[in-house]
PDB file of N, CA and C in Angstrom:
ATOM      1  N   MET A   1       6.366 107.703 -52.313  1.00  0.00           N
ATOM      2  CA  MET A   1       7.641 106.659 -53.175  1.00  0.00           C
ATOM      3  C   MET A   1       6.715 105.388 -53.300  1.00  0.00           C
ATOM      4  N   ARG A   2       7.197 104.771 -54.215  1.00  0.00           N
ATOM      5  CA  ARG A   2       6.748 103.272 -54.273  1.00  0.00           C
ATOM      6  C   ARG A   2       7.797 101.936 -55.571  1.00  0.00           C
ATOM      7  N   ILE A   3       8.384 100.853 -55.148  1.00  0.00           N
ATOM      8  CA  ILE A   3       8.222 100.108 -56.112  1.00  0.00           C
ATOM      9  C   ILE A   3       7.441 100.068 -57.324  1.00  0.00           C
ATOM     10  N   ILE A   4       7.591 100.302 -58.260  1.00  0.00           N
ATOM     11  CA  ILE A   4       6.983  99.320 -59.647  1.00  0.00           C
ATOM     12  C   ILE A   4       7.451  98.528 -60.292  1.00  0.00           C
ATOM     13  N   LYS A   5       8.338  98.218 -60.690  1.00  0.00           N
ATOM     14  CA  LYS A   5       9.007  97.032 -61.293  1.00  0.00           C
ATOM     15  C   LYS A   5       9.964  96.587 -60.695  1.00  0.00           C
ATOM     16  N   LYS A   6      10.324  95.508 -61.569  1.00  0.00           N
ATOM     17  CA  LYS A   6      11.701  94.477 -60.760  1.00  0.00           C
ATOM     18  C   LYS A   6      12.795  94.911 -62.507  1.00  0.00           C
ATOM     19  N   TRP A   7      13.800  94.909 -62.105  1.00  0.00           N
ATOM     20  CA  TRP A   7      14.511  95.095 -63.624  1.00  0.00           C
ATOM     21  C   TRP A   7      15.226  93.984 -63.791  1.00  0.00           C
ATOM     22  N   VAL A   8      15.413  93.246 -64.639  1.00  0.00           N
ATOM     23  CA  VAL A   8      15.599  91.836 -65.434  1.00  0.00           C
ATOM     24  C   VAL A   8      16.475  92.182 -66.201  1.00  0.00           C
ATOM     25  N   GLY A   9      16.621  93.413 -66.576  1.00  0.00           N
ATOM     26  CA  GLY A   9      17.838  93.441 -68.169  1.00  0.00           C
ATOM     27  C   GLY A   9      19.082  93.050 -67.225  1.00  0.00           C
ATOM     28  N   ARG A  10      20.118  93.434 -68.094  1.00  0.00           N
ATOM     29  CA  ARG A  10      22.044  93.257 -67.707  1.00  0.00           C
ATOM     30  C   ARG A  10      22.146  94.320 -66.139  1.00  0.00           C
ATOM     31  N   LYS A  11      22.993  93.538 -65.884  1.00  0.00           N
ATOM     32  CA  LYS A  11      23.749  94.496 -65.129  1.00  0.00           C
ATOM     33  C   LYS A  11      24.620  93.387 -64.470  1.00  0.00           C
ATOM     34  N   PRO A  12      25.270  94.796 -63.737  1.00  0.00           N
ATOM     35  CA  PRO A  12      27.138  94.190 -62.940  1.00  0.00           C
ATOM     36  C   PRO A  12      26.354  93.068 -62.015  1.00  0.00           C
ATOM     37  N   GLU A  13      27.317  91.854 -62.015  1.00  0.00           N
ATOM     38  CA  GLU A  13      26.843  90.837 -60.593  1.00  0.00           C
ATOM     39  C   GLU A  13      26.451  91.085 -59.913  1.00  0.00           C
ATOM     40  N   CYS A  14      27.628  92.621 -58.924  1.00  0.00           N
ATOM     41  CA  CYS A  14      27.612  93.082 -57.479  1.00  0.00           C
ATOM     42  C   CYS A  14      25.999  93.690 -57.035  1.00  0.00           C
ATOM     43  N   ALA A  15      25.346  94.049 -58.334  1.00  0.00           N
ATOM     44  CA  ALA A  15      24.004  94.350 -57.836  1.00  0.00           C
ATOM     45  C   ALA A  15      22.808  94.030 -57.732  1.00  0.00           C
ATOM     46  N   GLY A  16      22.632  92.702 -57.467  1.00  0.00           N
ATOM     47  CA  GLY A  16      21.888  91.572 -56.918  1.00  0.00           C
ATOM     48  C   GLY A  16      20.536  92.337 -57.567  1.00  0.00           C
ATOM     49  N   GLU A  17      19.376  91.760 -56.340  1.00  0.00           N
ATOM     50  CA  GLU A  17      18.558  92.038 -57.239  1.00  0.00           C
ATOM     51  C   GLU A  17      17.779  93.567 -57.308  1.00  0.00           C
ATOM     52  N   MET A  18      17.092  94.349 -58.407  1.00  0.00           N
ATOM     53  CA  MET A  18      16.893  95.490 -58.304  1.00  0.00           C
ATOM     54  C   MET A  18      15.569  95.555 -58.474  1.00  0.00           C
ATOM     55  N   TRP A  19      15.122  96.979 -58.169  1.00  0.00           N
ATOM     56  CA  TRP A  19      13.878  97.717 -58.344  1.00  0.00           C
ATOM     57  C   TRP A  19      13.779  98.759 -58.960  1.00  0.00           C
ATOM     58  N   LEU A  20      12.534  99.246 -59.396  1.00  0.00           N
ATOM     59  CA  LEU A  20      12.639 100.878 -60.197  1.00  0.00           C
ATOM     60  C   LEU A  20      11.263 101.099 -59.413  1.00  0.00           C
ATOM     61  N   LEU A  21      12.384 102.541 -58.522  1.00  0.00           N
ATOM     62  CA  LEU A  21      11.380 103.463 -57.460  1.00  0.00           C
ATOM     63  C   LEU A  21      11.328 104.768 -58.643  1.00  0.00           C
ATOM     64  N   GLU A  22       9.629 104.885 -58.184  1.00  0.00           N
ATOM     65  CA  GLU A  22       9.203 106.313 -58.559  1.00  0.00           C
ATOM     66  C   GLU A  22       8.818 106.759 -57.355  1.00  0.00           C
ATOM     67  N   VAL A  23       9.251 108.283 -57.483  1.00  0.00           N
ATOM     68  CA  VAL A  23       8.934 109.231 -56.581  1.00  0.00           C
ATOM     69  C   VAL A  23       8.438 110.817 -56.907  1.00  0.00           C
ATOM     70  N   THR A  24       7.966 111.010 -56.307  1.00  0.00           N
ATOM     71  CA  THR A  24       7.272 112.354 -56.990  1.00  0.00           C
ATOM     72  C   THR A  24       8.450 113.306 -56.727  1.00  0.00           C
ATOM     73  N   GLN A  25       7.901 114.663 -57.095  1.00  0.00           N
ATOM     74  CA  GLN A  25       8.692 115.720 -57.556  1.00  0.00           C
ATOM     75  C   GLN A  25       9.176 116.614 -55.430  1.00  0.00           C
ATOM     76  N   ALA A  26       8.118 116.052 -54.861  1.00  0.00           N
ATOM     77  CA  ALA A  26       8.751 116.812 -53.615  1.00  0.00           C
ATOM     78  C   ALA A  26       9.467 115.748 -52.994  1.00  0.00           C
ATOM     79  N   GLU A  27       9.172 114.457 -53.278  1.00  0.00           N
ATOM     80  CA  GLU A  27      10.204 112.777 -52.370  1.00  0.00           C
ATOM     81  C   GLU A  27      11.580 113.435 -53.241  1.00  0.00           C
ATOM     82  N   MET A  28      11.479 113.832 -54.282  1.00  0.00           N
ATOM     83  CA  MET A  28      12.873 114.115 -54.719  1.00  0.00           C
ATOM     84  C   MET A  28      13.604 114.867 -54.029  1.00  0.00           C
ATOM     85  N   PHE A  29      12.515 116.461 -53.777  1.00  0.00           N
ATOM     86  CA  PHE A  29      13.982 117.544 -53.553  1.00  0.00           C
ATOM     87  C   PHE A  29      13.860 117.125 -51.525  1.00  0.00           C
ATOM     88  N   GLU A  30      12.753 116.139 -51.154  1.00  0.00           N
ATOM     89  CA  GLU A  30      12.491 116.473 -49.933  1.00  0.00           C
ATOM     90  C   GLU A  30      13.515 115.043 -48.747  1.00  0.00           C
ATOM     91  N   GLN A  31      13.424 113.872 -49.981  1.00  0.00           N
ATOM     92  CA  GLN A  31      14.686 112.946 -49.169  1.00  0.00           C
ATOM     93  C   GLN A  31      15.290 112.643 -50.332  1.00  0.00           C
ATOM     94  N   MET A  32      15.518 112.187 -51.473  1.00  0.00           N
ATOM     95  CA  MET A  32      16.582 112.155 -52.459  1.00  0.00           C
ATOM     96  C   MET A  32      17.782 112.470 -52.609  1.00  0.00           C
ATOM     97  N   TYR A  33      17.458 114.079 -52.664  1.00  0.00           N
ATOM     98  CA  TYR A  33      18.187 115.027 -52.595  1.00  0.00           C
ATOM     99  C   TYR A  33      19.600 115.193 -52.128  1.00  0.00           C
ATOM    100  N   PRO A  34      18.596 115.119 -50.059  1.00  0.00           N
ATOM    101  CA  PRO A  34      19.880 115.010 -49.274  1.00  0.00           C
ATOM    102  C   PRO A  34      20.753 113.713 -49.178  1.00  0.00           C
ATOM    103  N   LEU A  35      20.099 112.910 -49.785  1.00  0.00           N
ATOM    104  CA  LEU A  35      20.904 111.418 -49.451  1.00  0.00           C
ATOM    105  C   LEU A  35      21.739 111.225 -50.925  1.00  0.00           C
ATOM    106  N   LEU A  36      21.186 111.931 -51.897  1.00  0.00           N
ATOM    107  CA  LEU A  36      22.492 111.887 -53.555  1.00  0.00           C
ATOM    108  C   LEU A  36      22.884 113.035 -54.110  1.00  0.00           C
ATOM    109  N   GLY A  37      22.462 114.447 -53.379  1.00  0.00           N
ATOM    110  CA  GLY A  37      22.931 115.365 -54.140  1.00  0.00           C
ATOM    111  C   GLY A  37      22.641 115.740 -55.168  1.00  0.00           C
ATOM    112  N   GLN A  38      23.548 116.327 -56.136  1.00  0.00           N
ATOM    113  CA  GLN A  38      22.748 117.067 -57.370  1.00  0.00           C
ATOM    114  C   GLN A  38      22.519 115.487 -57.904  1.00  0.00           C
ATOM    115  N   LEU A  39      23.485 114.073 -58.095  1.00  0.00           N
ATOM    116  CA  LEU A  39      22.701 113.067 -59.100  1.00  0.00           C
ATOM    117  C   LEU A  39      21.275 113.361 -58.335  1.00  0.00           C
ATOM    118  N   ALA A  40      20.353 113.433 -58.048  1.00  0.00           N
ATOM    119  CA  ALA A  40      18.885 113.156 -57.609  1.00  0.00           C
ATOM    120  C   ALA A  40      18.356 113.789 -58.647  1.00  0.00           C
ATOM    121  N   LEU A  41      19.128 114.746 -58.960  1.00  0.00           N
ATOM    122  CA  LEU A  41      18.294 116.055 -59.830  1.00  0.00           C
ATOM    123  C   LEU A  41      18.387 115.344 -60.884  1.00  0.00           C
ATOM    124  N   HIS A  42      19.498 114.194 -61.599  1.00  0.00           N
ATOM    125  CA  HIS A  42      19.154 113.382 -62.701  1.00  0.00           C
ATOM    126  C   HIS A  42      18.322 112.853 -62.949  1.00  0.00           C
ATOM    127  N   ALA A  43      17.513 112.602 -62.299  1.00  0.00           N
ATOM    128  CA  ALA A  43      16.649 111.395 -62.490  1.00  0.00           C
ATOM    129  C   ALA A  43      15.814 111.644 -63.255  1.00  0.00           C
ATOM    130  N   THR A  44      15.422 111.008 -64.630  1.00  0.00           N
ATOM    131  CA  THR A  44      14.270 111.152 -65.280  1.00  0.00           C
ATOM    132  C   THR A  44      13.060 111.348 -64.656  1.00  0.00           C
ATOM    133  N   SER A  45      12.314 111.717 -65.816  1.00  0.00           N
ATOM    134  CA  SER A  45      10.272 111.830 -65.379  1.00  0.00           C
ATOM    135  C   SER A  45      10.048 110.463 -66.335  1.00  0.00           C
ATOM    136  N   GLY A  46       8.990 109.881 -65.097  1.00  0.00           N
ATOM    137  CA  GLY A  46       8.613 109.013 -65.204  1.00  0.00           C
ATOM    138  C   GLY A  46       7.119 108.786 -66.150  1.00  0.00           C
ATOM    139  N   ARG A  47       5.752 108.370 -65.940  1.00  0.00           N
ATOM    140  CA  ARG A  47       4.957 108.826 -66.835  1.00  0.00           C
ATOM    141  C   ARG A  47       4.692 110.304 -67.056  1.00  0.00           C
ATOM    142  N   ASP A  48       5.041 111.009 -66.658  1.00  0.00           N
ATOM    143  CA  ASP A  48       4.641 112.580 -66.261  1.00  0.00           C
ATOM    144  C   ASP A  48       5.872 113.537 -65.933  1.00  0.00           C
ATOM    145  N   VAL A  49       5.652 114.362 -65.529  1.00  0.00           N
ATOM    146  CA  VAL A  49       6.867 115.634 -65.308  1.00  0.00           C
ATOM    147  C   VAL A  49       7.082 115.068 -63.373  1.00  0.00           C
ATOM    148  N   ASP A  50       5.587 114.842 -62.726  1.00  0.00           N
ATOM    149  CA  ASP A  50       5.740 114.442 -61.720  1.00  0.00           C
ATOM    150  C   ASP A  50       6.612 113.918 -60.901  1.00  0.00           C
ATOM    151  N   TYR A  51       7.058 113.135 -61.557  1.00  0.00           N
ATOM    152  CA  TYR A  51       7.680 111.624 -60.996  1.00  0.00           C
ATOM    153  C   TYR A  51       8.938 111.434 -61.567  1.00  0.00           C
ATOM    154  N   ARG A  52       9.641 111.540 -60.188  1.00  0.00           N
ATOM    155  CA  ARG A  52      10.857 111.025 -61.304  1.00  0.00           C
ATOM    156  C   ARG A  52      11.843 109.401 -61.015  1.00  0.00           C
ATOM    157  N   LEU A  53      12.213 108.359 -61.621  1.00  0.00           N
ATOM    158  CA  LEU A  53      12.361 107.000 -61.545  1.00  0.00           C
ATOM    159  C   LEU A  53      14.493 107.214 -60.997  1.00  0.00           C
ATOM    160  N   TYR A  54      14.214 105.855 -60.099  1.00  0.00           N
ATOM    161  CA  TYR A  54      15.852 105.679 -59.797  1.00  0.00           C
ATOM    162  C   TYR A  54      15.412 103.739 -59.316  1.00  0.00           C
ATOM    163  N   LEU A  55      16.468 103.495 -59.606  1.00  0.00           N
ATOM    164  CA  LEU A  55      16.914 101.932 -59.023  1.00  0.00           C
ATOM    165  C   LEU A  55      17.227 101.976 -58.212  1.00  0.00           C
ATOM    166  N   VAL A  56      17.471 101.062 -57.490  1.00  0.00           N
ATOM    167  CA  VAL A  56      17.983 100.273 -55.688  1.00  0.00           C
ATOM    168  C   VAL A  56      17.903  99.021 -56.027  1.00  0.00           C
ATOM    169  N   CYS A  57      19.177  99.091 -55.581  1.00  0.00           N
ATOM    170  CA  CYS A  57      20.112  97.700 -56.177  1.00  0.00           C
ATOM    171  C   CYS A  57      21.279  97.300 -54.221  1.00  0.00           C
ATOM    172  N   GLU A  58      22.166  96.215 -54.699  1.00  0.00           N
ATOM    173  CA  GLU A  58      23.139  96.072 -53.567  1.00  0.00           C
ATOM    174  C   GLU A  58      22.440  96.017 -52.443  1.00  0.00           C
ATOM    175  N   GLY A  59      21.769  95.545 -52.166  1.00  0.00           N
ATOM    176  CA  GLY A  59      20.984  94.821 -50.824  1.00  0.00           C
ATOM    177  C   GLY A  59      20.514  96.576 -50.134  1.00  0.00           C
ATOM    178  N   GLY A  60      19.782  96.944 -51.217  1.00  0.00           N
ATOM    179  CA  GLY A  60      19.310  98.930 -50.581  1.00  0.00           C
ATOM    180  C   GLY A  60      20.915  99.845 -50.181  1.00  0.00           C
ATOM    181  N   ARG A  61      22.032  99.136 -50.260  1.00  0.00           N
ATOM    182  CA  ARG A  61      22.910 100.099 -50.065  1.00  0.00           C
ATOM    183  C   ARG A  61      23.022 101.176 -51.399  1.00  0.00           C
ATOM    184  N   ARG A  62      22.280 101.191 -52.797  1.00  0.00           N
ATOM    185  CA  ARG A  62      22.738 102.187 -53.555  1.00  0.00           C
ATOM    186  C   ARG A  62      21.904 102.228 -54.489  1.00  0.00           C
ATOM    187  N   ILE A  63      21.717 103.299 -55.033  1.00  0.00           N
ATOM    188  CA  ILE A  63      20.217 104.423 -55.551  1.00  0.00           C
ATOM    189  C   ILE A  63      20.851 104.719 -56.725  1.00  0.00           C
ATOM    190  N   LEU A  64      20.593 104.035 -57.814  1.00  0.00           N
ATOM    191  CA  LEU A  64      20.857 105.392 -59.377  1.00  0.00           C
ATOM    192  C   LEU A  64      19.998 105.860 -60.001  1.00  0.00           C
ATOM    193  N   PRO A  65      19.885 106.845 -59.987  1.00  0.00           N
ATOM    194  CA  PRO A  65      19.202 107.932 -60.930  1.00  0.00           C
ATOM    195  C   PRO A  65      18.962 107.233 -61.876  1.00  0.00           C
ATOM    196  N   ILE A  66      17.985 107.452 -62.707  1.00  0.00           N
ATOM    197  CA  ILE A  66      17.798 106.852 -64.160  1.00  0.00           C
ATOM    198  C   ILE A  66      18.149 107.941 -64.989  1.00  0.00           C
ATOM    199  N   ASP A  67      19.299 108.371 -65.672  1.00  0.00           N
ATOM    200  CA  ASP A  67      19.801 109.539 -66.476  1.00  0.00           C
ATOM    201  C   ASP A  67      19.056 109.367 -67.674  1.00  0.00           C
ATOM    202  N   LYS A  68      19.059 108.342 -68.603  1.00  0.00           N
ATOM    203  CA  LYS A  68      18.266 108.052 -69.442  1.00  0.00           C
ATOM    204  C   LYS A  68      17.167 107.456 -69.902  1.00  0.00           C
ATOM    205  N   PRO A  69      16.161 107.739 -70.317  1.00  0.00           N
ATOM    206  CA  PRO A  69      14.957 107.089 -70.462  1.00  0.00           C
ATOM    207  C   PRO A  69      15.412 105.763 -71.564  1.00  0.00           C
ATOM    208  N   SER A  70      16.439 105.269 -72.540  1.00  0.00           N
ATOM    209  CA  SER A  70      17.137 104.693 -73.007  1.00  0.00           C
ATOM    210  C   SER A  70      17.430 103.693 -72.248  1.00  0.00           C
ATOM    211  N   VAL A  71      17.883 103.526 -70.956  1.00  0.00           N
ATOM    212  CA  VAL A  71      18.431 102.733 -70.070  1.00  0.00           C
ATOM    213  C   VAL A  71      17.088 101.423 -69.845  1.00  0.00           C
ATOM    214  N   MET A  72      15.843 102.506 -70.076  1.00  0.00           N
ATOM    215  CA  MET A  72      15.151 101.233 -70.095  1.00  0.00           C
ATOM    216  C   MET A  72      14.193 101.122 -70.893  1.00  0.00           C
ATOM    217  N   ARG A  73      14.899 100.287 -72.232  1.00  0.00           N
ATOM    218  CA  ARG A  73      14.348 100.383 -73.033  1.00  0.00           C
ATOM    219  C   ARG A  73      14.773  99.282 -73.551  1.00  0.00           C
ATOM    220  N   GLY A  74      14.209  98.213 -74.372  1.00  0.00           N
ATOM    221  CA  GLY A  74      15.115  97.487 -74.754  1.00  0.00           C
ATOM    222  C   GLY A  74      16.574  96.834 -75.470  1.00  0.00           C
ATOM    223  N   ALA A  75      16.563  98.208 -75.813  1.00  0.00           N
ATOM    224  CA  ALA A  75      17.974  98.043 -76.873  1.00  0.00           C
ATOM    225  C   ALA A  75      18.792  97.478 -76.376  1.00  0.00           C
ATOM    226  N   TYR A  76      19.237  97.809 -74.583  1.00  0.00           N
ATOM    227  CA  TYR A  76      20.705  97.272 -74.239  1.00  0.00           C
ATOM    228  C   TYR A  76      20.158  96.494 -73.813  1.00  0.00           C
ATOM    229  N   ASN A  77      19.208  95.503 -73.970  1.00  0.00           N
ATOM    230  CA  ASN A  77      19.255  93.978 -73.545  1.00  0.00           C
ATOM    231  C   ASN A  77      18.851  93.753 -74.528  1.00  0.00           C
ATOM    232  N   GLY A  78      19.374  93.048 -75.353  1.00  0.00           N
ATOM    233  CA  GLY A  78      18.621  92.047 -76.919  1.00  0.00           C
ATOM    234  C   GLY A  78      17.642  92.418 -76.983  1.00  0.00           C
ATOM    235  N   GLY A  79      17.295  93.335 -77.338  1.00  0.00           N
ATOM    236  CA  GLY A  79      15.593  93.806 -77.652  1.00  0.00           C
ATOM    237  C   GLY A  79      14.638  93.668 -76.872  1.00  0.00           C
ATOM    238  N   VAL A  80      14.935  92.982 -75.289  1.00  0.00           N
ATOM    239  CA  VAL A  80      13.616  92.225 -74.756  1.00  0.00           C
ATOM    240  C   VAL A  80      13.546  94.097 -73.442  1.00  0.00           C
ATOM    241  N   SER A  81      12.621  94.075 -72.644  1.00  0.00           N
ATOM    242  CA  SER A  81      12.190  94.880 -72.191  1.00  0.00           C
ATOM    243  C   SER A  81      12.992  94.547 -70.833  1.00  0.00           C
ATOM    244  N   PRO A  82      13.680  95.301 -70.175  1.00  0.00           N
ATOM    245  CA  PRO A  82      15.251  95.048 -68.841  1.00  0.00           C
ATOM    246  C   PRO A  82      13.641  95.220 -67.797  1.00  0.00           C
ATOM    247  N   LEU A  83      12.586  95.206 -67.666  1.00  0.00           N
ATOM    248  CA  LEU A  83      11.211  95.404 -66.407  1.00  0.00           C
ATOM    249  C   LEU A  83      10.721  94.422 -66.696  1.00  0.00           C
ATOM    250  N   ALA A  84      10.386  93.753 -65.611  1.00  0.00           N
ATOM    251  CA  ALA A  84       9.367  92.836 -65.426  1.00  0.00           C
ATOM    252  C   ALA A  84       8.038  93.363 -64.071  1.00  0.00           C
ATOM    253  N   GLU A  85       6.873  92.993 -64.196  1.00  0.00           N
ATOM    254  CA  GLU A  85       6.051  93.493 -63.126  1.00  0.00           C
ATOM    255  C   GLU A  85       6.276  92.503 -61.728  1.00  0.00           C
ATOM    256  N   CYS A  86       5.955  93.455 -61.062  1.00  0.00           N
ATOM    257  CA  CYS A  86       6.116  92.715 -59.443  1.00  0.00           C
ATOM    258  C   CYS A  86       5.005  93.369 -58.719  1.00  0.00           C
ATOM    259  N   ASP A  87       5.207  93.053 -57.520  1.00  0.00           N
ATOM    260  CA  ASP A  87       4.035  93.631 -56.640  1.00  0.00           C
ATOM    261  C   ASP A  87       4.209  95.175 -55.926  1.00  0.00           C
ATOM    262  N   ILE A  88       3.443  96.196 -56.250  1.00  0.00           N
ATOM    263  CA  ILE A  88       3.858  97.040 -55.920  1.00  0.00           C
ATOM    264  C   ILE A  88       3.884  97.594 -54.677  1.00  0.00           C
ATOM    265  N   LYS A  89       5.493  98.406 -54.239  1.00  0.00           N
ATOM    266  CA  LYS A  89       5.312  98.306 -53.018  1.00  0.00           C
ATOM    267  C   LYS A  89       5.418  99.874 -52.569  1.00  0.00           C
ATOM    268  N   GLU A  90       4.446 100.746 -51.472  1.00  0.00           N
ATOM    269  CA  GLU A  90       4.488 101.728 -51.324  1.00  0.00           C
ATOM    270  C   GLU A  90       5.052 101.883 -50.073  1.00  0.00           C
ATOM    271  N   TYR A  91       5.884 103.250 -50.088  1.00  0.00           N
ATOM    272  CA  TYR A  91       6.818 103.294 -48.996  1.00  0.00           C
ATOM    273  C   TYR A  91       6.781 104.940 -48.663  1.00  0.00           C
ATOM    274  N   THR A  92       6.751 105.440 -47.296  1.00  0.00           N
ATOM    275  CA  THR A  92       6.866 106.981 -46.859  1.00  0.00           C
ATOM    276  C   THR A  92       8.060 107.397 -46.753  1.00  0.00           C
ATOM    277  N   SER A  93       8.654 106.627 -46.419  1.00  0.00           N
ATOM    278  CA  SER A  93      10.481 107.169 -46.556  1.00  0.00           C
ATOM    279  C   SER A  93      10.984 106.300 -47.161  1.00  0.00           C
ATOM    280  N   ILE A  94      12.427 106.616 -47.686  1.00  0.00           N
ATOM    281  CA  ILE A  94      13.025 106.374 -48.366  1.00  0.00           C
ATOM    282  C   ILE A  94      14.221 105.439 -47.071  1.00  0.00           C
ATOM    283  N   ALA A  95      14.815 105.789 -45.947  1.00  0.00           N
ATOM    284  CA  ALA A  95      14.805 105.162 -45.201  1.00  0.00           C
ATOM    285  C   ALA A  95      14.231 103.728 -44.765  1.00  0.00           C
ATOM    286  N   ASP A  96      13.217 103.603 -45.338  1.00  0.00           N
ATOM    287  CA  ASP A  96      12.120 102.188 -45.181  1.00  0.00           C
ATOM    288  C   ASP A  96      12.738 101.389 -46.076  1.00  0.00           C
ATOM    289  N   LEU A  97      13.598 101.819 -47.103  1.00  0.00           N
ATOM    290  CA  LEU A  97      13.400 101.215 -48.152  1.00  0.00           C
ATOM    291  C   LEU A  97      15.178 100.775 -48.476  1.00  0.00           C
ATOM    292  N   VAL A  98      15.972 101.668 -48.669  1.00  0.00           N
ATOM    293  CA  VAL A  98      17.438 101.713 -48.742  1.00  0.00           C
ATOM    294  C   VAL A  98      18.227 101.834 -47.555  1.00  0.00           C
ATOM    295  N   ASP A  99      19.109 101.325 -46.915  1.00  0.00           N
ATOM    296  CA  ASP A  99      20.521 101.075 -45.505  1.00  0.00           C
ATOM    297  C   ASP A  99      21.283 102.559 -45.654  1.00  0.00           C
ATOM    298  N   THR A 100      20.312 103.627 -45.102  1.00  0.00           N
ATOM    299  CA  THR A 100      20.834 104.887 -45.213  1.00  0.00           C
ATOM    300  C   THR A 100      22.215 105.231 -44.707  1.00  0.00           C
ATOM    301  N   GLU A 101      22.407 104.397 -43.416  1.00  0.00           N
ATOM    302  CA  GLU A 101      23.737 104.238 -42.940  1.00  0.00           C
ATOM    303  C   GLU A 101      25.199 103.410 -43.679  1.00  0.00           C
ATOM    304  N   ASN A 102      24.800 103.015 -44.566  1.00  0.00           N
ATOM    305  CA  ASN A 102      26.094 102.078 -45.105  1.00  0.00           C
ATOM    306  C   ASN A 102      25.730 102.445 -46.680  1.00  0.00           C
ATOM    307  N   LEU A 103      24.973 104.044 -47.375  1.00  0.00           N
ATOM    308  CA  LEU A 103      24.549 103.860 -48.649  1.00  0.00           C
ATOM    309  C   LEU A 103      26.050 104.090 -49.431  1.00  0.00           C
ATOM    310  N   LEU A 104      25.951 103.701 -50.520  1.00  0.00           N
ATOM    311  CA  LEU A 104      27.043 103.820 -51.320  1.00  0.00           C
ATOM    312  C   LEU A 104      27.198 104.571 -51.829  1.00  0.00           C
ATOM    313  N   PRO A 105      28.130 105.823 -52.774  1.00  0.00           N
ATOM    314  CA  PRO A 105      27.981 106.426 -53.518  1.00  0.00           C
ATOM    315  C   PRO A 105      26.898 106.427 -54.279  1.00  0.00           C
ATOM    316  N   ALA A 106      26.113 107.147 -54.899  1.00  0.00           N
ATOM    317  CA  ALA A 106      25.261 106.867 -56.192  1.00  0.00           C
ATOM    318  C   ALA A 106      26.605 107.563 -57.599  1.00  0.00           C
ATOM    319  N   ILE A 107      25.594 106.460 -58.548  1.00  0.00           N
ATOM    320  CA  ILE A 107      26.178 106.656 -59.622  1.00  0.00           C
ATOM    321  C   ILE A 107      25.195 106.514 -60.573  1.00  0.00           C
ATOM    322  N   GLU A 108      24.849 107.234 -61.922  1.00  0.00           N
ATOM    323  CA  GLU A 108      23.871 107.030 -62.613  1.00  0.00           C
ATOM    324  C   GLU A 108      23.389 105.867 -63.305  1.00  0.00           C
ATOM    325  N   ALA A 109      22.200 105.422 -63.493  1.00  0.00           N
ATOM    326  CA  ALA A 109      21.869 103.823 -64.484  1.00  0.00           C
ATOM    327  C   ALA A 109      22.640 103.586 -64.980  1.00  0.00           C
ATOM    328  N   SER A 110      23.434 104.734 -66.275  1.00  0.00           N
ATOM    329  CA  SER A 110      23.360 104.247 -67.541  1.00  0.00           C
ATOM    330  C   SER A 110      24.879 103.682 -67.625  1.00  0.00           C
ATOM    331  N   GLU A 111      25.674 104.505 -66.443  1.00  0.00           N
ATOM    332  CA  GLU A 111      27.166 104.212 -66.239  1.00  0.00           C
ATOM    333  C   GLU A 111      26.923 103.131 -65.670  1.00  0.00           C
ATOM    334  N   TYR A 112      26.420 102.850 -64.500  1.00  0.00           N
ATOM    335  CA  TYR A 112      26.381 101.661 -63.638  1.00  0.00           C
ATOM    336  C   TYR A 112      25.969 100.373 -64.424  1.00  0.00           C
ATOM    337  N   LEU A 113      24.760 100.111 -64.950  1.00  0.00           N
ATOM    338  CA  LEU A 113      24.323  98.995 -65.983  1.00  0.00           C
ATOM    339  C   LEU A 113      25.648  98.863 -66.908  1.00  0.00           C
ATOM    340  N   PHE A 114      25.786  99.674 -68.035  1.00  0.00           N
ATOM    341  CA  PHE A 114      26.856  99.179 -68.399  1.00  0.00           C
ATOM    342  C   PHE A 114      28.482  99.392 -68.926  1.00  0.00           C
ATOM    343  N   ASN A 115      28.256  99.015 -67.505  1.00  0.00           N
ATOM    344  CA  ASN A 115      30.079  99.045 -66.858  1.00  0.00           C
ATOM    345  C   ASN A 115      30.731 100.376 -67.561  1.00  0.00           C
ATOM    346  N   THR A 116      30.978 101.398 -67.774  1.00  0.00           N
ATOM    347  CA  THR A 116      31.763 102.440 -67.191  1.00  0.00           C
ATOM    348  C   THR A 116      32.351 103.226 -67.186  1.00  0.00           C
ATOM    349  N   HIS A 117      31.615 102.619 -65.294  1.00  0.00           N
ATOM    350  CA  HIS A 117      32.311 103.465 -64.416  1.00  0.00           C
ATOM    351  C   HIS A 117      33.719 102.277 -63.745  1.00  0.00           C
TER     352      HIS A 117
END
């Protein structure tokens, strides 16, 4: 699993820095599903069907499955891409990236980002 982009689009104030996390299908089942339950499976595919995408925010205490590809397009962000380049960071365990002891409830990214929760 790896952080591949920084989120610079619209977001709630409480979100803090947000990062786009890409995980393999195996990592989704082995690591994300035990943490998030059914919502882990809602994450859309990345570049191909073998990858799933999540946003990590609130100081590593919340994981948001990217439930709709349109979330990552500029339409909801004034026509500007909500993603910026960043240093790619590799992780072998989700526990190295998020605070698994204090994890907040998972919410689909579209609901969280566009204030419908």
